[in-house]
Amino acid sequence: LVLGMLLGVVLGGGLVTAHFTGRLTPLYHKLGWHSLAASTGAASPEHAGPKMGEQADMPGMEMSGDDASGGGMSGMNMPGMPGMSMPGTDHSQHKAAKEAVPGHVMVQFSEARQQLIGVKIGRVERDRLRMSVRAVGIIEPDQTRLKRVQTRISGWVTKVFVNYVGQDVKQDDPLLEVYSPNLLSTQEEYLVAVAQEPRVRGEGEPLLVRSARRRLELLGVPADEIEKLAKTKKPRDTLMLRAPINGVVLERNVLEGNYVEPSTDLYRIADLSVVWLQAKIYEYELPHIKLGQPVTVTLLSDSTTTFQGKVSFVEPIVQEKTRTIKVRVEIPNEDERLKPGMYADLKIDHDMGRGLLIPDTAVLQTGERGVAFRALEGGWFEPVEVTLGGRFGQRLEVLSGLSEGEKILTSAVYLIDSESQMRASSGGGGHHH
């Protein structure tokens, strides 16, 4: 039994040795076991190496006819040696092996491949850094030129002189008359005080008369009406309300016969010679807005006419949901062409000097860095990490990473970036497509 086991081991070992040394390969081919023959690592007879006297065909190597017959090496072309080269290889691949941007390497694309994927090349330009902030707003009355007309007495409206919204009024124009029993009694008290305490020469107005006069003033009776009352001794049972400013009636909330109280807004009158444009800008645009900055305004209803204004107020609060800030623009409106409630476009230009600019399509911005691709000779694209400044229309400011006049990739950036990352992860460096 032991002898049989030793014999089996010897025979098995011999078969394994014969298999891997290729001695059994001819047998495998005769039996049709080509896959087993391939596992031996030996070539089949029809794939065996050249016989003696035949020329070896080596990929990447070229030999002239004279050299083939003479056996010389001078006609062989191999890289790195005189007269020797290898297709698809140049010194740029050594540059590509170095990662200028983590996870990226240089890549090479043929002209045909570039046209197929839509490659476009631009340049880094030095230009004016002019930021234009645009927004849509609504025309409103200047709140400092807006007046609400109220009465200081309770009573009934006996007559209305201004009857419709939009009516122009001048300061001190009559608006309405109010009948008030309280007004009548206060005037009578004043006349009694004047009669009982005549003015003493050199002592000024008596105390009771002064107190009664003060009550009339608090009720809104004008000084000229009080003087007239003192002379005529005839009290009036109505009070005339007059326009406090020159302007346009924006609201009218009273009719003849209405009972009114001090809390009632009877009219709202606005001086529209200056109006406000209220608009909202985004948070990132705030650094480009300053008080007093000139603003160009265009009406949505008439884009051919522009108005000039200035920034008069920037709200100190950012709206949490929209991330916007309210901005107020003050606009002269002497001809009153701007009406409250109109929509208007505003444009604010902020000149920040000069700087380097590239198209916004030339940069891929990740959470860690911005990546652009410098276009080199021979179809090579080199990844470059760039530091960006602000946005100026469709262009971005470059603070570092690129220089003026350099060629850069401006389209198909995502495709080339993907290829660059794939080559970096495979360790293959740049590649020709």
Protein backbone atom coordinates (compact mmCIF):
# COMPACT_ATOMS: atom_id res chain seq x y z
CA LEU A 1 0.00 0.00 0.00
CA VAL A 2 2.78 2.41 0.90
CA LEU A 3 4.63 1.51 -2.28
CA GLY A 4 1.47 2.23 -4.32
CA MET A 5 1.05 5.64 -2.71
CA LEU A 6 4.66 6.59 -3.43
CA LEU A 7 4.22 5.50 -7.04
CA GLY A 8 1.09 7.64 -7.41
CA VAL A 9 2.87 10.69 -6.02
CA VAL A 10 5.78 10.28 -8.42
CA LEU A 11 3.50 9.85 -11.46
CA GLY A 12 1.28 12.80 -10.46
CA GLY A 13 4.27 15.07 -9.95
CA GLY A 14 5.65 14.11 -13.32
CA LEU A 15 2.37 14.88 -15.07
CA VAL A 16 2.15 18.31 -13.42
CA THR A 17 5.74 19.11 -14.42
CA ALA A 18 5.11 17.99 -18.00
CA HIS A 19 1.93 20.12 -18.16
CA PHE A 20 3.54 23.39 -17.09
CA THR A 21 6.73 22.84 -19.11
CA GLY A 22 4.59 22.40 -22.27
CA ARG A 23 5.60 18.82 -23.00
CA LEU A 24 1.93 17.76 -23.05
CA THR A 25 0.82 20.69 -25.27
CA PRO A 26 1.02 18.73 -28.61
CA LEU A 27 -1.11 16.00 -27.05
CA TYR A 28 -3.70 18.52 -25.88
CA HIS A 29 -3.98 20.01 -29.39
CA LYS A 30 -4.41 16.58 -30.98
CA LEU A 31 -7.19 15.80 -28.54
CA GLY A 32 -8.82 19.24 -29.19
CA TRP A 33 -8.22 20.49 -25.64
CA HIS A 34 -7.10 23.97 -26.77
CA SER A 35 -8.16 25.74 -23.61
CA LEU A 36 -6.10 23.35 -21.53
CA ALA A 37 -3.19 23.85 -23.93
CA ALA A 38 -3.46 27.62 -23.47
CA SER A 39 -3.19 27.23 -19.69
CA THR A 40 0.27 25.72 -20.04
CA GLY A 41 1.69 29.08 -21.23
CA ALA A 42 3.21 27.45 -24.33
CA ALA A 43 2.22 28.47 -27.85
CA SER A 44 0.50 26.11 -30.21
CA PRO A 45 2.41 24.93 -33.24
CA GLU A 46 0.60 27.38 -35.52
CA HIS A 47 1.30 30.20 -33.03
CA ALA A 48 4.85 29.23 -32.26
CA GLY A 49 7.67 31.75 -32.64
CA PRO A 50 9.51 32.30 -35.92
CA LYS A 51 11.72 29.60 -37.17
CA MET A 52 15.37 30.13 -37.68
CA GLY A 53 16.04 32.58 -40.49
CA GLU A 54 12.55 34.20 -40.28
CA GLN A 55 12.10 37.85 -39.31
CA ALA A 56 10.42 38.51 -35.99
CA ASP A 57 7.43 40.91 -36.20
CA MET A 58 7.58 43.06 -33.07
CA PRO A 59 4.85 45.66 -32.46
CA GLY A 60 6.18 49.17 -32.22
CA MET A 61 9.43 48.28 -33.98
CA GLU A 62 10.25 48.88 -37.62
CA MET A 63 13.21 47.42 -39.50
CA SER A 64 14.33 48.31 -43.01
CA GLY A 65 14.82 45.59 -45.61
CA ASP A 66 18.59 45.89 -45.53
CA ASP A 67 18.66 45.62 -41.78
CA ALA A 68 16.40 42.62 -41.88
CA SER A 69 18.78 40.76 -44.13
CA GLY A 70 21.90 42.09 -42.48
CA GLY A 71 20.76 41.69 -38.92
CA GLY A 72 21.78 45.29 -37.96
CA MET A 73 20.01 47.49 -35.34
CA SER A 74 20.54 50.92 -36.94
CA GLY A 75 17.20 50.84 -38.77
CA MET A 76 15.11 49.99 -35.69
CA ASN A 77 12.94 52.80 -34.33
CA MET A 78 12.49 52.78 -30.56
CA PRO A 79 11.82 55.59 -28.11
CA GLY A 80 14.66 57.14 -26.18
CA MET A 81 17.36 55.99 -28.60
CA PRO A 82 18.70 57.52 -31.85
CA GLY A 83 16.51 56.48 -34.75
CA MET A 84 14.05 54.72 -32.45
CA SER A 85 10.42 55.76 -31.68
CA MET A 86 7.18 54.26 -30.45
CA PRO A 87 3.76 55.36 -31.70
CA GLY A 88 1.38 57.15 -29.29
CA THR A 89 4.16 58.36 -26.99
CA ASP A 90 5.71 61.79 -26.37
CA HIS A 91 7.27 63.68 -23.51
CA SER A 92 3.98 65.30 -22.50
CA GLN A 93 2.90 62.03 -20.91
CA HIS A 94 5.59 62.48 -18.31
CA LYS A 95 4.07 65.84 -17.46
CA ALA A 96 0.62 64.26 -17.28
CA ALA A 97 1.81 61.79 -14.70
CA LYS A 98 2.21 64.66 -12.26
CA GLU A 99 -1.13 65.64 -10.72
CA ALA A 100 -1.39 69.44 -10.71
CA VAL A 101 -4.92 69.08 -9.27
CA PRO A 102 -5.61 66.21 -6.86
CA GLY A 103 -7.46 63.42 -8.63
CA HIS A 104 -6.80 64.83 -12.11
CA VAL A 105 -4.18 64.35 -14.82
CA MET A 106 -3.52 65.87 -18.22
CA VAL A 107 -5.43 64.29 -21.09
CA GLN A 108 -5.03 64.42 -24.86
CA PHE A 109 -7.77 64.49 -27.50
CA SER A 110 -7.40 64.39 -31.25
CA GLU A 111 -8.95 67.16 -33.34
CA ALA A 112 -11.64 64.80 -34.62
CA ARG A 113 -12.53 63.79 -31.08
CA GLN A 114 -12.63 67.44 -29.97
CA GLN A 115 -15.07 68.31 -32.74
CA LEU A 116 -17.22 65.32 -31.86
CA ILE A 117 -17.68 66.34 -28.21
CA GLY A 118 -17.98 70.06 -28.98
CA VAL A 119 -14.73 71.44 -27.58
CA LYS A 120 -14.38 75.23 -27.68
CA ILE A 121 -11.31 77.22 -26.68
CA GLY A 122 -11.26 80.71 -25.18
CA ARG A 123 -8.72 83.00 -23.55
CA VAL A 124 -8.20 84.54 -20.15
CA GLU A 125 -8.94 88.24 -20.62
CA ARG A 126 -8.21 91.33 -18.54
CA ASP A 127 -11.24 93.60 -18.60
CA ARG A 128 -13.37 96.00 -16.56
CA LEU A 129 -14.94 94.42 -13.50
CA ARG A 130 -18.35 96.01 -13.93
CA MET A 131 -21.02 94.31 -11.88
CA SER A 132 -24.60 94.99 -12.99
CA VAL A 133 -27.35 94.33 -10.46
CA ARG A 134 -30.80 94.02 -12.02
CA ALA A 135 -34.16 93.73 -10.33
CA VAL A 136 -37.86 94.47 -10.78
CA GLY A 137 -39.61 96.81 -8.38
CA ILE A 138 -42.84 98.76 -7.80
CA ILE A 139 -43.26 102.55 -7.87
CA GLU A 140 -44.54 103.95 -4.56
CA PRO A 141 -45.16 107.45 -3.20
CA ASP A 142 -42.35 109.04 -1.23
CA GLN A 143 -43.49 108.39 2.33
CA THR A 144 -41.96 111.68 3.49
CA ARG A 145 -44.21 113.50 1.00
CA LEU A 146 -47.41 111.67 1.90
CA LYS A 147 -50.10 113.18 4.12
CA ARG A 148 -53.23 111.72 5.68
CA VAL A 149 -56.07 114.13 6.36
CA GLN A 150 -57.99 113.56 9.61
CA THR A 151 -60.25 115.71 11.75
CA ARG A 152 -59.61 116.40 15.42
CA ILE A 153 -63.30 116.68 16.23
CA SER A 154 -66.26 114.36 15.91
CA GLY A 155 -69.13 115.48 13.74
CA TRP A 156 -71.04 115.29 10.49
CA VAL A 157 -69.70 116.16 7.05
CA THR A 158 -71.83 118.96 5.63
CA LYS A 159 -69.94 119.68 2.42
CA VAL A 160 -67.23 118.01 0.30
CA PHE A 161 -65.08 120.06 -2.08
CA VAL A 162 -62.71 117.32 -3.38
CA ASN A 163 -64.81 114.50 -4.74
CA TYR A 164 -62.57 112.00 -6.59
CA VAL A 165 -59.26 110.18 -6.46
CA GLY A 166 -56.55 111.62 -8.72
CA GLN A 167 -57.65 115.22 -8.26
CA ASP A 168 -54.80 117.70 -7.99
CA VAL A 169 -54.89 119.99 -4.97
CA LYS A 170 -52.84 122.93 -3.77
CA GLN A 171 -51.84 123.60 -0.21
CA ASP A 172 -54.73 125.21 1.78
CA ASP A 173 -57.36 124.26 -0.81
CA PRO A 174 -60.66 123.43 0.99
CA LEU A 175 -61.39 119.70 1.24
CA LEU A 176 -64.58 119.47 3.34
CA GLU A 177 -66.62 121.03 6.18
CA VAL A 178 -67.52 119.26 9.43
CA TYR A 179 -70.36 120.26 11.78
CA SER A 180 -69.49 119.71 15.45
CA PRO A 181 -71.42 120.78 18.55
CA ASN A 182 -68.20 120.51 20.54
CA LEU A 183 -66.55 123.04 18.26
CA LEU A 184 -69.42 125.46 18.72
CA SER A 185 -69.31 125.25 22.53
CA THR A 186 -65.53 125.76 22.60
CA GLN A 187 -65.84 128.93 20.49
CA GLU A 188 -68.49 130.29 22.85
CA GLU A 189 -66.20 129.64 25.84
CA TYR A 190 -63.50 131.62 24.11
CA LEU A 191 -65.80 134.58 23.51
CA VAL A 192 -66.90 134.54 27.17
CA ALA A 193 -63.27 134.55 28.32
CA VAL A 194 -62.47 137.46 26.03
CA ALA A 195 -65.48 139.42 27.35
CA GLN A 196 -64.78 138.77 31.04
CA GLU A 197 -61.04 139.41 31.02
CA PRO A 198 -60.19 142.31 28.73
CA ARG A 199 -56.56 142.63 27.86
CA VAL A 200 -54.58 144.73 30.34
CA ARG A 201 -52.12 147.07 28.66
CA GLY A 202 -48.60 145.67 28.82
CA GLU A 203 -49.60 142.38 30.50
CA GLY A 204 -50.32 140.36 27.33
CA GLU A 205 -53.27 137.97 26.86
CA PRO A 206 -55.13 136.93 30.05
CA LEU A 207 -54.84 133.35 31.27
CA LEU A 208 -58.47 132.32 30.61
CA VAL A 209 -58.38 133.74 27.10
CA ARG A 210 -55.09 131.98 26.40
CA SER A 211 -56.49 128.66 27.65
CA ALA A 212 -59.64 128.98 25.53
CA ARG A 213 -57.54 129.86 22.47
CA ARG A 214 -55.36 126.83 23.08
CA ARG A 215 -58.40 124.52 23.12
CA LEU A 216 -59.48 125.88 19.74
CA GLU A 217 -55.99 125.29 18.31
CA LEU A 218 -56.04 121.69 19.54
CA LEU A 219 -59.32 121.16 17.71
CA GLY A 220 -57.59 122.19 14.47
CA VAL A 221 -59.00 125.70 14.12
CA PRO A 222 -56.48 127.83 12.16
CA ALA A 223 -55.02 130.96 13.76
CA ASP A 224 -56.67 133.27 11.20
CA GLU A 225 -60.08 131.76 12.02
CA ILE A 226 -59.54 132.44 15.73
CA GLU A 227 -58.58 136.05 15.02
CA LYS A 228 -61.68 136.42 12.88
CA LEU A 229 -63.80 134.97 15.69
CA ALA A 230 -62.37 137.47 18.19
CA LYS A 231 -63.23 140.38 15.90
CA THR A 232 -66.69 139.33 14.69
CA LYS A 233 -67.83 137.66 17.92
CA LYS A 234 -69.80 135.22 15.72
CA PRO A 235 -68.93 131.52 16.29
CA ARG A 236 -69.20 129.02 13.42
CA ASP A 237 -70.77 125.61 13.80
CA THR A 238 -68.59 124.04 11.09
CA LEU A 239 -64.86 123.54 10.65
CA MET A 240 -63.18 123.74 7.26
CA LEU A 241 -60.47 121.13 6.57
CA ARG A 242 -57.82 122.20 4.03
CA ALA A 243 -55.13 120.42 1.97
CA PRO A 244 -51.86 120.25 3.94
CA ILE A 245 -49.59 120.02 0.82
CA ASN A 246 -49.56 120.32 -2.95
CA GLY A 247 -50.24 116.91 -4.42
CA VAL A 248 -52.60 114.32 -5.81
CA VAL A 249 -55.47 112.68 -3.95
CA LEU A 250 -54.68 108.96 -3.70
CA GLU A 251 -57.57 107.99 -1.39
CA ARG A 252 -60.92 109.51 -0.50
CA ASN A 253 -62.99 107.91 2.26
CA VAL A 254 -65.72 110.47 2.95
CA LEU A 255 -69.09 111.53 1.57
CA GLU A 256 -71.50 114.29 2.53
CA GLY A 257 -73.53 113.30 5.56
CA ASN A 258 -70.92 110.88 6.95
CA TYR A 259 -70.22 110.96 10.66
CA VAL A 260 -66.48 111.24 11.19
CA GLU A 261 -64.18 110.85 14.17
CA PRO A 262 -60.52 111.72 14.82
CA SER A 263 -59.49 108.14 13.96
CA THR A 264 -60.98 108.35 10.45
CA ASP A 265 -58.65 108.78 7.44
CA LEU A 266 -60.58 111.16 5.21
CA TYR A 267 -58.01 111.70 2.44
CA ARG A 268 -54.55 110.51 1.50
CA ILE A 269 -52.62 113.11 -0.49
CA ALA A 270 -49.14 112.57 -2.01
CA ASP A 271 -46.62 114.89 -3.57
CA LEU A 272 -45.48 112.83 -6.58
CA SER A 273 -42.69 115.16 -7.70
CA VAL A 274 -40.39 112.53 -6.16
CA VAL A 275 -41.27 108.82 -5.98
CA TRP A 276 -39.71 105.64 -4.62
CA LEU A 277 -38.94 102.39 -6.39
CA GLN A 278 -39.01 99.47 -3.95
CA ALA A 279 -37.14 96.36 -5.14
CA LYS A 280 -35.47 93.24 -3.77
CA ILE A 281 -31.93 92.09 -4.50
CA TYR A 282 -30.22 88.83 -3.61
CA GLU A 283 -27.86 88.49 -0.70
CA TYR A 284 -24.78 87.89 -2.88
CA GLU A 285 -25.46 91.19 -4.71
CA LEU A 286 -25.41 93.25 -1.51
CA PRO A 287 -21.64 94.10 -1.64
CA HIS A 288 -22.30 95.92 -4.93
CA ILE A 289 -24.97 98.24 -3.50
CA LYS A 290 -24.14 101.52 -1.74
CA LEU A 291 -26.16 104.52 -0.59
CA GLY A 292 -26.20 107.31 -3.15
CA GLN A 293 -25.29 104.95 -6.00
CA PRO A 294 -26.80 106.00 -9.37
CA VAL A 295 -29.59 103.80 -10.71
CA THR A 296 -31.09 103.50 -14.19
CA VAL A 297 -34.84 102.79 -14.21
CA THR A 298 -36.92 101.54 -17.14
CA LEU A 299 -40.68 101.08 -17.14
CA LEU A 300 -42.03 97.71 -18.23
CA SER A 301 -44.70 99.60 -20.17
CA ASP A 302 -42.13 101.79 -21.99
CA SER A 303 -38.69 100.26 -22.38
CA THR A 304 -37.49 103.09 -24.62
CA THR A 305 -37.51 105.71 -21.86
CA THR A 306 -35.13 105.63 -18.90
CA PHE A 307 -35.18 107.52 -15.61
CA GLN A 308 -32.28 108.27 -13.32
CA GLY A 309 -32.40 107.82 -9.57
CA LYS A 310 -30.19 106.95 -6.62
CA VAL A 311 -30.14 104.38 -3.84
CA SER A 312 -31.63 106.06 -0.77
CA PHE A 313 -32.06 103.11 1.60
CA VAL A 314 -30.92 99.49 2.03
CA GLU A 315 -32.93 97.44 4.50
CA PRO A 316 -30.76 96.06 7.32
CA ILE A 317 -32.64 92.72 7.40
CA VAL A 318 -32.28 89.72 5.06
CA GLN A 319 -35.50 87.83 4.32
CA GLU A 320 -34.81 84.30 5.55
CA LYS A 321 -36.93 82.39 3.03
CA THR A 322 -35.97 84.27 -0.13
CA ARG A 323 -32.47 85.44 0.94
CA THR A 324 -33.26 88.90 -0.43
CA ILE A 325 -32.88 92.47 0.84
CA LYS A 326 -35.19 95.41 0.12
CA VAL A 327 -33.62 98.36 -1.64
CA ARG A 328 -35.23 101.78 -2.10
CA VAL A 329 -34.46 104.02 -5.07
CA GLU A 330 -35.43 107.71 -5.06
CA ILE A 331 -36.45 109.06 -8.49
CA PRO A 332 -37.28 112.67 -9.49
CA ASN A 333 -40.72 112.78 -11.13
CA GLU A 334 -41.52 116.40 -11.94
CA ASP A 335 -43.69 115.50 -14.94
CA GLU A 336 -45.42 112.77 -12.88
CA ARG A 337 -44.94 110.12 -15.58
CA LEU A 338 -44.15 107.57 -12.89
CA LYS A 339 -47.37 106.45 -11.23
CA PRO A 340 -47.66 104.58 -7.93
CA GLY A 341 -48.21 100.88 -8.60
CA MET A 342 -46.20 100.74 -11.85
CA TYR A 343 -43.65 97.97 -12.36
CA ALA A 344 -40.15 99.06 -13.35
CA ASP A 345 -36.74 97.51 -14.04
CA LEU A 346 -33.71 98.86 -12.23
CA LYS A 347 -30.05 98.50 -13.11
CA ILE A 348 -27.19 99.36 -10.76
CA ASP A 349 -23.64 99.34 -12.18
CA HIS A 350 -20.70 98.87 -9.83
CA ASP A 351 -17.26 99.51 -11.34
CA MET A 352 -14.60 97.51 -9.45
CA GLY A 353 -11.57 98.31 -11.61
CA ARG A 354 -9.92 95.70 -13.84
CA GLY A 355 -9.23 91.99 -13.41
CA LEU A 356 -8.91 88.61 -15.12
CA LEU A 357 -12.14 87.16 -16.47
CA ILE A 358 -13.13 83.79 -17.94
CA PRO A 359 -16.51 82.44 -19.13
CA ASP A 360 -18.51 80.80 -16.34
CA THR A 361 -18.73 77.65 -18.49
CA ALA A 362 -14.94 77.18 -18.20
CA VAL A 363 -15.01 76.22 -14.52
CA LEU A 364 -16.29 73.16 -12.71
CA GLN A 365 -16.93 74.10 -9.10
CA THR A 366 -16.93 71.32 -6.55
CA GLY A 367 -17.31 71.58 -2.83
CA GLU A 368 -13.53 71.81 -2.41
CA ARG A 369 -12.17 73.68 -5.43
CA GLY A 370 -12.76 75.21 -8.83
CA VAL A 371 -11.15 73.37 -11.76
CA ALA A 372 -10.42 74.72 -15.24
CA PHE A 373 -8.46 73.19 -18.12
CA ARG A 374 -5.57 74.99 -19.78
CA ALA A 375 -5.41 74.20 -23.54
CA LEU A 376 -1.90 73.23 -24.68
CA GLU A 377 -0.34 72.31 -28.03
CA GLY A 378 -1.02 68.89 -29.48
CA GLY A 379 -4.53 68.56 -28.11
CA TRP A 380 -3.43 68.37 -24.48
CA PHE A 381 -5.62 69.73 -21.67
CA GLU A 382 -4.03 70.47 -18.31
CA PRO A 383 -6.25 70.65 -15.20
CA VAL A 384 -5.71 73.81 -13.16
CA GLU A 385 -7.08 74.70 -9.75
CA VAL A 386 -8.43 78.27 -9.83
CA THR A 387 -9.47 80.69 -7.12
CA LEU A 388 -12.51 82.71 -8.16
CA GLY A 389 -13.75 86.16 -7.24
CA GLY A 390 -17.14 87.61 -8.12
CA ARG A 391 -19.52 86.99 -10.99
CA PHE A 392 -19.78 89.65 -13.68
CA GLY A 393 -22.64 88.76 -16.01
CA GLN A 394 -21.68 85.51 -17.74
CA ARG A 395 -18.04 85.73 -16.65
CA LEU A 396 -16.13 84.95 -13.46
CA GLU A 397 -13.17 86.77 -11.99
CA VAL A 398 -9.99 84.69 -11.59
CA LEU A 399 -7.86 85.55 -8.56
CA SER A 400 -5.22 82.83 -9.04
CA GLY A 401 -4.40 79.77 -11.16
CA LEU A 402 -4.46 81.32 -14.64
CA SER A 403 -2.66 84.19 -16.39
CA GLU A 404 -3.78 86.74 -18.95
CA GLY A 405 -3.85 85.44 -22.53
CA GLU A 406 -3.77 81.74 -21.67
CA LYS A 407 -5.99 79.42 -23.70
CA ILE A 408 -8.64 77.58 -21.74
CA LEU A 409 -11.38 75.09 -22.39
CA THR A 410 -14.82 76.78 -22.41
CA SER A 411 -17.15 73.92 -23.38
CA ALA A 412 -17.32 70.14 -22.92
CA VAL A 413 -15.53 70.75 -19.62
CA TYR A 414 -17.52 68.08 -17.81
CA LEU A 415 -16.57 65.38 -20.32
CA ILE A 416 -12.87 66.20 -20.24
CA ASP A 417 -12.92 66.48 -16.45
CA SER A 418 -14.46 63.00 -16.24
CA GLU A 419 -11.77 61.60 -18.53
CA SER A 420 -9.05 63.30 -16.49
CA GLN A 421 -10.35 61.83 -13.24
CA MET A 422 -10.76 58.37 -14.78
CA ARG A 423 -7.16 58.39 -16.05
CA ALA A 424 -5.92 59.56 -12.66
CA SER A 425 -7.76 56.79 -10.83
CA SER A 426 -6.45 54.13 -13.24
CA GLY A 427 -2.91 55.45 -13.01
CA GLY A 428 -2.68 55.64 -16.79
CA GLY A 429 -1.74 59.28 -17.05
CA GLY A 430 -2.70 61.16 -20.19
CA HIS A 431 -4.03 59.27 -23.17
CA HIS A 432 -4.53 59.92 -26.86
CA HIS A 433 -8.08 59.69 -28.21
